[in-house]
Amino acid sequence: KVEEFLITRLREVFPDDGVFGEEGGEIAGSSGRIWVIDPIDGTFN
């Protein structure tokens, strides 16, 4: 849920940028910039 939220918000604000996420979220962009996200780093904790 957090990754879905992050992808949605980042794409709203930076529509030309790509997104690469831990839980399978990978969206290509046209700017050459990529937002690399970890929705919850330390899930075991």
ModelCIF file with pLDDT and N, C-alpha, C, O atoms, coordinates in Angstrom:
data_MODEL
#
_entry.id   MODEL 
#
_entity.id                         1 
_entity.type                       polymer 
_entity.pdbx_number_of_molecules   1 
#
_entity_poly.entity_id                      1 
_entity_poly.type                           'polypeptide(L)' 
_entity_poly.nstd_linkage                   no 
_entity_poly.nstd_monomer                   no 
_entity_poly.pdbx_seq_one_letter_code       KVEEFLITRLREVFPDDGVFGEEGGEIAGSSGRIWVIDPIDGTFN 
_entity_poly.pdbx_seq_one_letter_code_can   KVEEFLITRLREVFPDDGVFGEEGGEIAGSSGRIWVIDPIDGTFN 
_entity_poly.pdbx_strand_id                 A 
#
loop_
_entity_poly_seq.entity_id 
_entity_poly_seq.num 
_entity_poly_seq.mon_id 
_entity_poly_seq.hetero 
1 1  LYS n 
1 2  VAL n 
1 3  GLU n 
1 4  GLU n 
1 5  PHE n 
1 6  LEU n 
1 7  ILE n 
1 8  THR n 
1 9  ARG n 
1 10 LEU n 
1 11 ARG n 
1 12 GLU n 
1 13 VAL n 
1 14 PHE n 
1 15 PRO n 
1 16 ASP n 
1 17 ASP n 
1 18 GLY n 
1 19 VAL n 
1 20 PHE n 
1 21 GLY n 
1 22 GLU n 
1 23 GLU n 
1 24 GLY n 
1 25 GLY n 
1 26 GLU n 
1 27 ILE n 
1 28 ALA n 
1 29 GLY n 
1 30 SER n 
1 31 SER n 
1 32 GLY n 
1 33 ARG n 
1 34 ILE n 
1 35 TRP n 
1 36 VAL n 
1 37 ILE n 
1 38 ASP n 
1 39 PRO n 
1 40 ILE n 
1 41 ASP n 
1 42 GLY n 
1 43 THR n 
1 44 PHE n 
1 45 ASN n 
#
_struct_asym.id          A 
_struct_asym.entity_id   1 
#
loop_
_ma_qa_metric.id 
_ma_qa_metric.mode 
_ma_qa_metric.name 
_ma_qa_metric.software_group_id 
_ma_qa_metric.type 
1 global pLDDT . pLDDT 
2 local  pLDDT . pLDDT 
#
_ma_qa_metric_global.metric_id      1 
_ma_qa_metric_global.metric_value   92.62 
_ma_qa_metric_global.model_id       1 
_ma_qa_metric_global.ordinal_id     1 
#
loop_
_ma_qa_metric_local.label_asym_id 
_ma_qa_metric_local.label_comp_id 
_ma_qa_metric_local.label_seq_id 
_ma_qa_metric_local.metric_id 
_ma_qa_metric_local.metric_value 
_ma_qa_metric_local.model_id 
_ma_qa_metric_local.ordinal_id 
A LYS 1  2 91.00 1 1  
A VAL 2  2 94.00 1 2  
A GLU 3  2 94.00 1 3  
A GLU 4  2 94.00 1 4  
A PHE 5  2 96.00 1 5  
A LEU 6  2 96.00 1 6  
A ILE 7  2 95.00 1 7  
A THR 8  2 95.00 1 8  
A ARG 9  2 97.00 1 9  
A LEU 10 2 97.00 1 10 
A ARG 11 2 95.00 1 11 
A GLU 12 2 96.00 1 12 
A VAL 13 2 96.00 1 13 
A PHE 14 2 97.00 1 14 
A PRO 15 2 96.00 1 15 
A ASP 16 2 97.00 1 16 
A ASP 17 2 97.00 1 17 
A GLY 18 2 97.00 1 18 
A VAL 19 2 97.00 1 19 
A PHE 20 2 96.00 1 20 
A GLY 21 2 90.00 1 21 
A GLU 22 2 80.00 1 22 
A GLU 23 2 74.00 1 23 
A GLY 24 2 74.00 1 24 
A GLY 25 2 68.00 1 25 
A GLU 26 2 83.00 1 26 
A ILE 27 2 90.00 1 27 
A ALA 28 2 90.00 1 28 
A GLY 29 2 91.00 1 29 
A SER 30 2 94.00 1 30 
A SER 31 2 96.00 1 31 
A GLY 32 2 93.00 1 32 
A ARG 33 2 97.00 1 33 
A ILE 34 2 97.00 1 34 
A TRP 35 2 98.00 1 35 
A VAL 36 2 98.00 1 36 
A ILE 37 2 97.00 1 37 
A ASP 38 2 96.00 1 38 
A PRO 39 2 96.00 1 39 
A ILE 40 2 95.00 1 40 
A ASP 41 2 95.00 1 41 
A GLY 42 2 93.00 1 42 
A THR 43 2 90.00 1 43 
A PHE 44 2 87.00 1 44 
A ASN 45 2 93.00 1 45 
#
loop_
_atom_site.group_PDB 
_atom_site.id 
_atom_site.type_symbol 
_atom_site.label_atom_id 
_atom_site.label_alt_id 
_atom_site.label_comp_id 
_atom_site.label_asym_id 
_atom_site.label_entity_id 
_atom_site.label_seq_id 
_atom_site.pdbx_PDB_ins_code 
_atom_site.Cartn_x 
_atom_site.Cartn_y 
_atom_site.Cartn_z 
_atom_site.occupancy 
_atom_site.B_iso_or_equiv 
_atom_site.pdbx_formal_charge 
_atom_site.auth_seq_id 
_atom_site.auth_comp_id 
_atom_site.auth_asym_id 
_atom_site.auth_atom_id 
_atom_site.pdbx_PDB_model_num 
ATOM 1   N N  . LYS A 1 1  ? 0.822  -1.204 0.000   1.00 91.00 ? 1  LYS A N  1 
ATOM 2   C CA . LYS A 1 1  ? 0.000  0.000  0.000   1.00 91.00 ? 1  LYS A CA 1 
ATOM 3   C C  . LYS A 1 1  ? 0.859  1.257  0.000   1.00 91.00 ? 1  LYS A C  1 
ATOM 4   O O  . LYS A 1 1  ? 0.550  2.225  -0.695  1.00 91.00 ? 1  LYS A O  1 
ATOM 5   N N  . VAL A 1 2  ? 1.937  1.242  0.780   1.00 94.00 ? 2  VAL A N  1 
ATOM 6   C CA . VAL A 1 2  ? 2.804  2.419  0.837   1.00 94.00 ? 2  VAL A CA 1 
ATOM 7   C C  . VAL A 1 2  ? 3.523  2.617  -0.494  1.00 94.00 ? 2  VAL A C  1 
ATOM 8   O O  . VAL A 1 2  ? 3.671  3.750  -0.951  1.00 94.00 ? 2  VAL A O  1 
ATOM 9   N N  . GLU A 1 3  ? 3.976  1.521  -1.127  1.00 94.00 ? 3  GLU A N  1 
ATOM 10  C CA . GLU A 1 3  ? 4.619  1.666  -2.433  1.00 94.00 ? 3  GLU A CA 1 
ATOM 11  C C  . GLU A 1 3  ? 3.633  2.213  -3.460  1.00 94.00 ? 3  GLU A C  1 
ATOM 12  O O  . GLU A 1 3  ? 3.988  3.091  -4.246  1.00 94.00 ? 3  GLU A O  1 
ATOM 13  N N  . GLU A 1 4  ? 2.408  1.711  -3.465  1.00 94.00 ? 4  GLU A N  1 
ATOM 14  C CA . GLU A 1 4  ? 1.400  2.233  -4.396  1.00 94.00 ? 4  GLU A CA 1 
ATOM 15  C C  . GLU A 1 4  ? 1.191  3.731  -4.177  1.00 94.00 ? 4  GLU A C  1 
ATOM 16  O O  . GLU A 1 4  ? 1.078  4.496  -5.134  1.00 94.00 ? 4  GLU A O  1 
ATOM 17  N N  . PHE A 1 5  ? 1.142  4.135  -2.921  1.00 96.00 ? 5  PHE A N  1 
ATOM 18  C CA . PHE A 1 5  ? 0.972  5.550  -2.604  1.00 96.00 ? 5  PHE A CA 1 
ATOM 19  C C  . PHE A 1 5  ? 2.149  6.369  -3.119  1.00 96.00 ? 5  PHE A C  1 
ATOM 20  O O  . PHE A 1 5  ? 1.958  7.413  -3.744  1.00 96.00 ? 5  PHE A O  1 
ATOM 21  N N  . LEU A 1 6  ? 3.364  5.898  -2.858  1.00 96.00 ? 6  LEU A N  1 
ATOM 22  C CA . LEU A 1 6  ? 4.550  6.632  -3.278  1.00 96.00 ? 6  LEU A CA 1 
ATOM 23  C C  . LEU A 1 6  ? 4.600  6.785  -4.796  1.00 96.00 ? 6  LEU A C  1 
ATOM 24  O O  . LEU A 1 6  ? 4.893  7.865  -5.308  1.00 96.00 ? 6  LEU A O  1 
ATOM 25  N N  . ILE A 1 7  ? 4.315  5.704  -5.506  1.00 95.00 ? 7  ILE A N  1 
ATOM 26  C CA . ILE A 1 7  ? 4.353  5.762  -6.972  1.00 95.00 ? 7  ILE A CA 1 
ATOM 27  C C  . ILE A 1 7  ? 3.330  6.775  -7.483  1.00 95.00 ? 7  ILE A C  1 
ATOM 28  O O  . ILE A 1 7  ? 3.632  7.583  -8.361  1.00 95.00 ? 7  ILE A O  1 
ATOM 29  N N  . THR A 1 8  ? 2.127  6.725  -6.933  1.00 95.00 ? 8  THR A N  1 
ATOM 30  C CA . THR A 1 8  ? 1.075  7.648  -7.366  1.00 95.00 ? 8  THR A CA 1 
ATOM 31  C C  . THR A 1 8  ? 1.476  9.098  -7.138  1.00 95.00 ? 8  THR A C  1 
ATOM 32  O O  . THR A 1 8  ? 1.336  9.931  -8.033  1.00 95.00 ? 8  THR A O  1 
ATOM 33  N N  . ARG A 1 9  ? 1.974  9.402  -5.939  1.00 97.00 ? 9  ARG A N  1 
ATOM 34  C CA . ARG A 1 9  ? 2.332  10.786 -5.600  1.00 97.00 ? 9  ARG A CA 1 
ATOM 35  C C  . ARG A 1 9  ? 3.542  11.265 -6.395  1.00 97.00 ? 9  ARG A C  1 
ATOM 36  O O  . ARG A 1 9  ? 3.553  12.398 -6.878  1.00 97.00 ? 9  ARG A O  1 
ATOM 37  N N  . LEU A 1 10 ? 4.551  10.428 -6.536  1.00 97.00 ? 10 LEU A N  1 
ATOM 38  C CA . LEU A 1 10 ? 5.734  10.839 -7.292  1.00 97.00 ? 10 LEU A CA 1 
ATOM 39  C C  . LEU A 1 10 ? 5.400  11.069 -8.759  1.00 97.00 ? 10 LEU A C  1 
ATOM 40  O O  . LEU A 1 10 ? 5.926  11.993 -9.380  1.00 97.00 ? 10 LEU A O  1 
ATOM 41  N N  . ARG A 1 11 ? 4.534  10.238 -9.311  1.00 95.00 ? 11 ARG A N  1 
ATOM 42  C CA . ARG A 1 11 ? 4.142  10.414 -10.709 1.00 95.00 ? 11 ARG A CA 1 
ATOM 43  C C  . ARG A 1 11 ? 3.289  11.668 -10.902 1.00 95.00 ? 11 ARG A C  1 
ATOM 44  O O  . ARG A 1 11 ? 3.345  12.303 -11.954 1.00 95.00 ? 11 ARG A O  1 
ATOM 45  N N  . GLU A 1 12 ? 2.505  12.020 -9.890  1.00 96.00 ? 12 GLU A N  1 
ATOM 46  C CA . GLU A 1 12 ? 1.718  13.249 -9.965  1.00 96.00 ? 12 GLU A CA 1 
ATOM 47  C C  . GLU A 1 12 ? 2.622  14.484 -10.029 1.00 96.00 ? 12 GLU A C  1 
ATOM 48  O O  . GLU A 1 12 ? 2.383  15.414 -10.800 1.00 96.00 ? 12 GLU A O  1 
ATOM 49  N N  . VAL A 1 13 ? 3.653  14.463 -9.207  1.00 96.00 ? 13 VAL A N  1 
ATOM 50  C CA . VAL A 1 13 ? 4.503  15.640 -9.063  1.00 96.00 ? 13 VAL A CA 1 
ATOM 51  C C  . VAL A 1 13 ? 5.633  15.674 -10.095 1.00 96.00 ? 13 VAL A C  1 
ATOM 52  O O  . VAL A 1 13 ? 6.038  16.742 -10.553 1.00 96.00 ? 13 VAL A O  1 
ATOM 53  N N  . PHE A 1 14 ? 6.136  14.485 -10.453 1.00 97.00 ? 14 PHE A N  1 
ATOM 54  C CA . PHE A 1 14 ? 7.249  14.384 -11.403 1.00 97.00 ? 14 PHE A CA 1 
ATOM 55  C C  . PHE A 1 14 ? 6.832  13.460 -12.553 1.00 97.00 ? 14 PHE A C  1 
ATOM 56  O O  . PHE A 1 14 ? 7.361  12.355 -12.671 1.00 97.00 ? 14 PHE A O  1 
ATOM 57  N N  . PRO A 1 15 ? 5.908  13.887 -13.387 1.00 96.00 ? 15 PRO A N  1 
ATOM 58  C CA . PRO A 1 15 ? 5.339  12.983 -14.402 1.00 96.00 ? 15 PRO A CA 1 
ATOM 59  C C  . PRO A 1 15 ? 6.341  12.470 -15.438 1.00 96.00 ? 15 PRO A C  1 
ATOM 60  O O  . PRO A 1 15 ? 6.099  11.441 -16.068 1.00 96.00 ? 15 PRO A O  1 
ATOM 61  N N  . ASP A 1 16 ? 7.451  13.167 -15.622 1.00 97.00 ? 16 ASP A N  1 
ATOM 62  C CA . ASP A 1 16 ? 8.430  12.735 -16.622 1.00 97.00 ? 16 ASP A CA 1 
ATOM 63  C C  . ASP A 1 16 ? 9.471  11.773 -16.059 1.00 97.00 ? 16 ASP A C  1 
ATOM 64  O O  . ASP A 1 16 ? 10.259 11.202 -16.813 1.00 97.00 ? 16 ASP A O  1 
ATOM 65  N N  . ASP A 1 17 ? 9.481  11.591 -14.740 1.00 97.00 ? 17 ASP A N  1 
ATOM 66  C CA . ASP A 1 17 ? 10.498 10.756 -14.096 1.00 97.00 ? 17 ASP A CA 1 
ATOM 67  C C  . ASP A 1 17 ? 10.037 9.310  -13.990 1.00 97.00 ? 17 ASP A C  1 
ATOM 68  O O  . ASP A 1 17 ? 8.839  9.032  -13.938 1.00 97.00 ? 17 ASP A O  1 
ATOM 69  N N  . GLY A 1 18 ? 11.004 8.388  -13.960 1.00 97.00 ? 18 GLY A N  1 
ATOM 70  C CA . GLY A 1 18 ? 10.702 6.990  -13.720 1.00 97.00 ? 18 GLY A CA 1 
ATOM 71  C C  . GLY A 1 18 ? 10.638 6.696  -12.231 1.00 97.00 ? 18 GLY A C  1 
ATOM 72  O O  . GLY A 1 18 ? 11.051 7.507  -11.402 1.00 97.00 ? 18 GLY A O  1 
ATOM 73  N N  . VAL A 1 19 ? 10.113 5.521  -11.907 1.00 97.00 ? 19 VAL A N  1 
ATOM 74  C CA . VAL A 1 19 ? 10.050 5.058  -10.516 1.00 97.00 ? 19 VAL A CA 1 
ATOM 75  C C  . VAL A 1 19 ? 10.469 3.598  -10.484 1.00 97.00 ? 19 VAL A C  1 
ATOM 76  O O  . VAL A 1 19 ? 10.053 2.805  -11.329 1.00 97.00 ? 19 VAL A O  1 
ATOM 77  N N  . PHE A 1 20 ? 11.298 3.247  -9.500  1.00 96.00 ? 20 PHE A N  1 
ATOM 78  C CA . PHE A 1 20 ? 11.751 1.871  -9.324  1.00 96.00 ? 20 PHE A CA 1 
ATOM 79  C C  . PHE A 1 20 ? 11.559 1.512  -7.857  1.00 96.00 ? 20 PHE A C  1 
ATOM 80  O O  . PHE A 1 20 ? 12.177 2.122  -6.985  1.00 96.00 ? 20 PHE A O  1 
ATOM 81  N N  . GLY A 1 21 ? 10.703 0.520  -7.575  1.00 90.00 ? 21 GLY A N  1 
ATOM 82  C CA . GLY A 1 21 ? 10.376 0.192  -6.192  1.00 90.00 ? 21 GLY A CA 1 
ATOM 83  C C  . GLY A 1 21 ? 10.665 -1.238 -5.819  1.00 90.00 ? 21 GLY A C  1 
ATOM 84  O O  . GLY A 1 21 ? 10.790 -2.105 -6.685  1.00 90.00 ? 21 GLY A O  1 
ATOM 85  N N  . GLU A 1 22 ? 10.773 -1.487 -4.522  1.00 80.00 ? 22 GLU A N  1 
ATOM 86  C CA . GLU A 1 22 ? 11.121 -2.822 -4.027  1.00 80.00 ? 22 GLU A CA 1 
ATOM 87  C C  . GLU A 1 22 ? 10.050 -3.854 -4.354  1.00 80.00 ? 22 GLU A C  1 
ATOM 88  O O  . GLU A 1 22 ? 10.368 -4.986 -4.716  1.00 80.00 ? 22 GLU A O  1 
ATOM 89  N N  . GLU A 1 23 ? 8.792  -3.472 -4.230  1.00 74.00 ? 23 GLU A N  1 
ATOM 90  C CA . GLU A 1 23 ? 7.722  -4.459 -4.351  1.00 74.00 ? 23 GLU A CA 1 
ATOM 91  C C  . GLU A 1 23 ? 7.189  -4.595 -5.773  1.00 74.00 ? 23 GLU A C  1 
ATOM 92  O O  . GLU A 1 23 ? 6.013  -4.898 -5.974  1.00 74.00 ? 23 GLU A O  1 
ATOM 93  N N  . GLY A 1 24 ? 8.047  -4.374 -6.748  1.00 74.00 ? 24 GLY A N  1 
ATOM 94  C CA . GLY A 1 24 ? 7.667  -4.624 -8.135  1.00 74.00 ? 24 GLY A CA 1 
ATOM 95  C C  . GLY A 1 24 ? 7.233  -3.408 -8.911  1.00 74.00 ? 24 GLY A C  1 
ATOM 96  O O  . GLY A 1 24 ? 6.949  -3.504 -10.105 1.00 74.00 ? 24 GLY A O  1 
ATOM 97  N N  . GLY A 1 25 ? 7.175  -2.259 -8.256  1.00 68.00 ? 25 GLY A N  1 
ATOM 98  C CA . GLY A 1 25 ? 6.784  -1.052 -8.955  1.00 68.00 ? 25 GLY A CA 1 
ATOM 99  C C  . GLY A 1 25 ? 7.929  -0.536 -9.818  1.00 68.00 ? 25 GLY A C  1 
ATOM 100 O O  . GLY A 1 25 ? 8.952  -0.102 -9.288  1.00 68.00 ? 25 GLY A O  1 
ATOM 101 N N  . GLU A 1 26 ? 7.773  -0.575 -11.137 1.00 83.00 ? 26 GLU A N  1 
ATOM 102 C CA . GLU A 1 26 ? 8.803  -0.065 -12.038 1.00 83.00 ? 26 GLU A CA 1 
ATOM 103 C C  . GLU A 1 26 ? 8.113  0.620  -13.208 1.00 83.00 ? 26 GLU A C  1 
ATOM 104 O O  . GLU A 1 26 ? 7.433  -0.019 -14.012 1.00 83.00 ? 26 GLU A O  1 
ATOM 105 N N  . ILE A 1 27 ? 8.303  1.942  -13.287 1.00 90.00 ? 27 ILE A N  1 
ATOM 106 C CA . ILE A 1 27 ? 7.669  2.743  -14.318 1.00 90.00 ? 27 ILE A CA 1 
ATOM 107 C C  . ILE A 1 27 ? 8.737  3.544  -15.041 1.00 90.00 ? 27 ILE A C  1 
ATOM 108 O O  . ILE A 1 27 ? 9.515  4.264  -14.416 1.00 90.00 ? 27 ILE A O  1 
ATOM 109 N N  . ALA A 1 28 ? 8.770  3.417  -16.341 1.00 90.00 ? 28 ALA A N  1 
ATOM 110 C CA . ALA A 1 28 ? 9.757  4.138  -17.139 1.00 90.00 ? 28 ALA A CA 1 
ATOM 111 C C  . ALA A 1 28 ? 9.367  5.610  -17.239 1.00 90.00 ? 28 ALA A C  1 
ATOM 112 O O  . ALA A 1 28 ? 8.184  5.953  -17.249 1.00 90.00 ? 28 ALA A O  1 
ATOM 113 N N  . GLY A 1 29 ? 10.367 6.464  -17.313 1.00 91.00 ? 29 GLY A N  1 
ATOM 114 C CA . GLY A 1 29 ? 10.143 7.888  -17.498 1.00 91.00 ? 29 GLY A CA 1 
ATOM 115 C C  . GLY A 1 29 ? 10.880 8.389  -18.722 1.00 91.00 ? 29 GLY A C  1 
ATOM 116 O O  . GLY A 1 29 ? 11.586 7.624  -19.380 1.00 91.00 ? 29 GLY A O  1 
ATOM 117 N N  . SER A 1 30 ? 10.727 9.650  -19.032 1.00 94.00 ? 30 SER A N  1 
ATOM 118 C CA . SER A 1 30 ? 11.392 10.237 -20.200 1.00 94.00 ? 30 SER A CA 1 
ATOM 119 C C  . SER A 1 30 ? 12.497 11.219 -19.838 1.00 94.00 ? 30 SER A C  1 
ATOM 120 O O  . SER A 1 30 ? 13.232 11.671 -20.716 1.00 94.00 ? 30 SER A O  1 
ATOM 121 N N  . SER A 1 31 ? 12.623 11.554 -18.557 1.00 96.00 ? 31 SER A N  1 
ATOM 122 C CA . SER A 1 31 ? 13.576 12.585 -18.137 1.00 96.00 ? 31 SER A CA 1 
ATOM 123 C C  . SER A 1 31 ? 14.991 12.045 -17.919 1.00 96.00 ? 31 SER A C  1 
ATOM 124 O O  . SER A 1 31 ? 15.955 12.810 -17.912 1.00 96.00 ? 31 SER A O  1 
ATOM 125 N N  . GLY A 1 32 ? 15.113 10.725 -17.741 1.00 93.00 ? 32 GLY A N  1 
ATOM 126 C CA . GLY A 1 32 ? 16.396 10.145 -17.367 1.00 93.00 ? 32 GLY A CA 1 
ATOM 127 C C  . GLY A 1 32 ? 16.580 10.035 -15.864 1.00 93.00 ? 32 GLY A C  1 
ATOM 128 O O  . GLY A 1 32 ? 17.538 9.419  -15.397 1.00 93.00 ? 32 GLY A O  1 
ATOM 129 N N  . ARG A 1 33 ? 15.672 10.627 -15.107 1.00 97.00 ? 33 ARG A N  1 
ATOM 130 C CA . ARG A 1 33 ? 15.733 10.543 -13.645 1.00 97.00 ? 33 ARG A CA 1 
ATOM 131 C C  . ARG A 1 33 ? 14.818 9.424  -13.158 1.00 97.00 ? 33 ARG A C  1 
ATOM 132 O O  . ARG A 1 33 ? 13.758 9.183  -13.734 1.00 97.00 ? 33 ARG A O  1 
ATOM 133 N N  . ILE A 1 34 ? 15.239 8.744  -12.091 1.00 97.00 ? 34 ILE A N  1 
ATOM 134 C CA . ILE A 1 34 ? 14.444 7.650  -11.528 1.00 97.00 ? 34 ILE A CA 1 
ATOM 135 C C  . ILE A 1 34 ? 14.366 7.820  -10.012 1.00 97.00 ? 34 ILE A C  1 
ATOM 136 O O  . ILE A 1 34 ? 15.384 7.996  -9.342  1.00 97.00 ? 34 ILE A O  1 
ATOM 137 N N  . TRP A 1 35 ? 13.157 7.764  -9.488  1.00 98.00 ? 35 TRP A N  1 
ATOM 138 C CA . TRP A 1 35 ? 12.958 7.752  -8.038  1.00 98.00 ? 35 TRP A CA 1 
ATOM 139 C C  . TRP A 1 35 ? 12.981 6.300  -7.572  1.00 98.00 ? 35 TRP A C  1 
ATOM 140 O O  . TRP A 1 35 ? 12.135 5.495  -7.962  1.00 98.00 ? 35 TRP A O  1 
ATOM 141 N N  . VAL A 1 36 ? 13.960 5.981  -6.735  1.00 98.00 ? 36 VAL A N  1 
ATOM 142 C CA . VAL A 1 36 ? 14.145 4.617  -6.245  1.00 98.00 ? 36 VAL A CA 1 
ATOM 143 C C  . VAL A 1 36 ? 13.603 4.573  -4.818  1.00 98.00 ? 36 VAL A C  1 
ATOM 144 O O  . VAL A 1 36 ? 14.085 5.284  -3.936  1.00 98.00 ? 36 VAL A O  1 
ATOM 145 N N  . ILE A 1 37 ? 12.594 3.729  -4.605  1.00 97.00 ? 37 ILE A N  1 
ATOM 146 C CA . ILE A 1 37 ? 11.840 3.803  -3.351  1.00 97.00 ? 37 ILE A CA 1 
ATOM 147 C C  . ILE A 1 37 ? 11.832 2.467  -2.613  1.00 97.00 ? 37 ILE A C  1 
ATOM 148 O O  . ILE A 1 37 ? 11.777 1.395  -3.217  1.00 97.00 ? 37 ILE A O  1 
ATOM 149 N N  . ASP A 1 38 ? 11.889 2.569  -1.315  1.00 96.00 ? 38 ASP A N  1 
ATOM 150 C CA . ASP A 1 38 ? 11.663 1.430  -0.434  1.00 96.00 ? 38 ASP A CA 1 
ATOM 151 C C  . ASP A 1 38 ? 10.538 1.830  0.503   1.00 96.00 ? 38 ASP A C  1 
ATOM 152 O O  . ASP A 1 38 ? 10.753 2.656  1.389   1.00 96.00 ? 38 ASP A O  1 
ATOM 153 N N  . PRO A 1 39 ? 9.344  1.271  0.338   1.00 96.00 ? 39 PRO A N  1 
ATOM 154 C CA . PRO A 1 39 ? 8.196  1.744  1.127   1.00 96.00 ? 39 PRO A CA 1 
ATOM 155 C C  . PRO A 1 39 ? 8.367  1.527  2.628   1.00 96.00 ? 39 PRO A C  1 
ATOM 156 O O  . PRO A 1 39 ? 8.005  2.386  3.432   1.00 96.00 ? 39 PRO A O  1 
ATOM 157 N N  . ILE A 1 40 ? 8.920  0.377  2.998   1.00 95.00 ? 40 ILE A N  1 
ATOM 158 C CA . ILE A 1 40 ? 9.244  0.113  4.403   1.00 95.00 ? 40 ILE A CA 1 
ATOM 159 C C  . ILE A 1 40 ? 10.557 -0.653 4.427   1.00 95.00 ? 40 ILE A C  1 
ATOM 160 O O  . ILE A 1 40 ? 10.572 -1.870 4.237   1.00 95.00 ? 40 ILE A O  1 
ATOM 161 N N  . ASP A 1 41 ? 11.650 0.046  4.656   1.00 95.00 ? 41 ASP A N  1 
ATOM 162 C CA . ASP A 1 41 ? 12.929 -0.634 4.818   1.00 95.00 ? 41 ASP A CA 1 
ATOM 163 C C  . ASP A 1 41 ? 13.008 -1.134 6.257   1.00 95.00 ? 41 ASP A C  1 
ATOM 164 O O  . ASP A 1 41 ? 12.864 -0.359 7.203   1.00 95.00 ? 41 ASP A O  1 
ATOM 165 N N  . GLY A 1 42 ? 13.236 -2.425 6.411   1.00 93.00 ? 42 GLY A N  1 
ATOM 166 C CA . GLY A 1 42 ? 13.200 -3.021 7.745   1.00 93.00 ? 42 GLY A CA 1 
ATOM 167 C C  . GLY A 1 42 ? 11.861 -3.674 8.020   1.00 93.00 ? 42 GLY A C  1 
ATOM 168 O O  . GLY A 1 42 ? 11.339 -3.583 9.131   1.00 93.00 ? 42 GLY A O  1 
ATOM 169 N N  . THR A 1 43 ? 11.291 -4.343 7.001   1.00 90.00 ? 43 THR A N  1 
ATOM 170 C CA . THR A 1 43 ? 9.975  -4.968 7.177   1.00 90.00 ? 43 THR A CA 1 
ATOM 171 C C  . THR A 1 43 ? 9.981  -6.002 8.299   1.00 90.00 ? 43 THR A C  1 
ATOM 172 O O  . THR A 1 43 ? 9.009  -6.115 9.045   1.00 90.00 ? 43 THR A O  1 
ATOM 173 N N  . PHE A 1 44 ? 11.072 -6.756 8.420   1.00 87.00 ? 44 PHE A N  1 
ATOM 174 C CA . PHE A 1 44 ? 11.151 -7.765 9.486   1.00 87.00 ? 44 PHE A CA 1 
ATOM 175 C C  . PHE A 1 44 ? 11.016 -7.086 10.856  1.00 87.00 ? 44 PHE A C  1 
ATOM 176 O O  . PHE A 1 44 ? 10.298 -7.576 11.727  1.00 87.00 ? 44 PHE A O  1 
ATOM 177 N N  . ASN A 1 45 ? 11.712 -5.953 11.038  1.00 93.00 ? 45 ASN A N  1 
ATOM 178 C CA . ASN A 1 45 ? 11.578 -5.192 12.278  1.00 93.00 ? 45 ASN A CA 1 
ATOM 179 C C  . ASN A 1 45 ? 10.144 -4.693 12.453  1.00 93.00 ? 45 ASN A C  1 
ATOM 180 O O  . ASN A 1 45 ? 9.838  -4.029 13.444  1.00 93.00 ? 45 ASN A O  1 
#
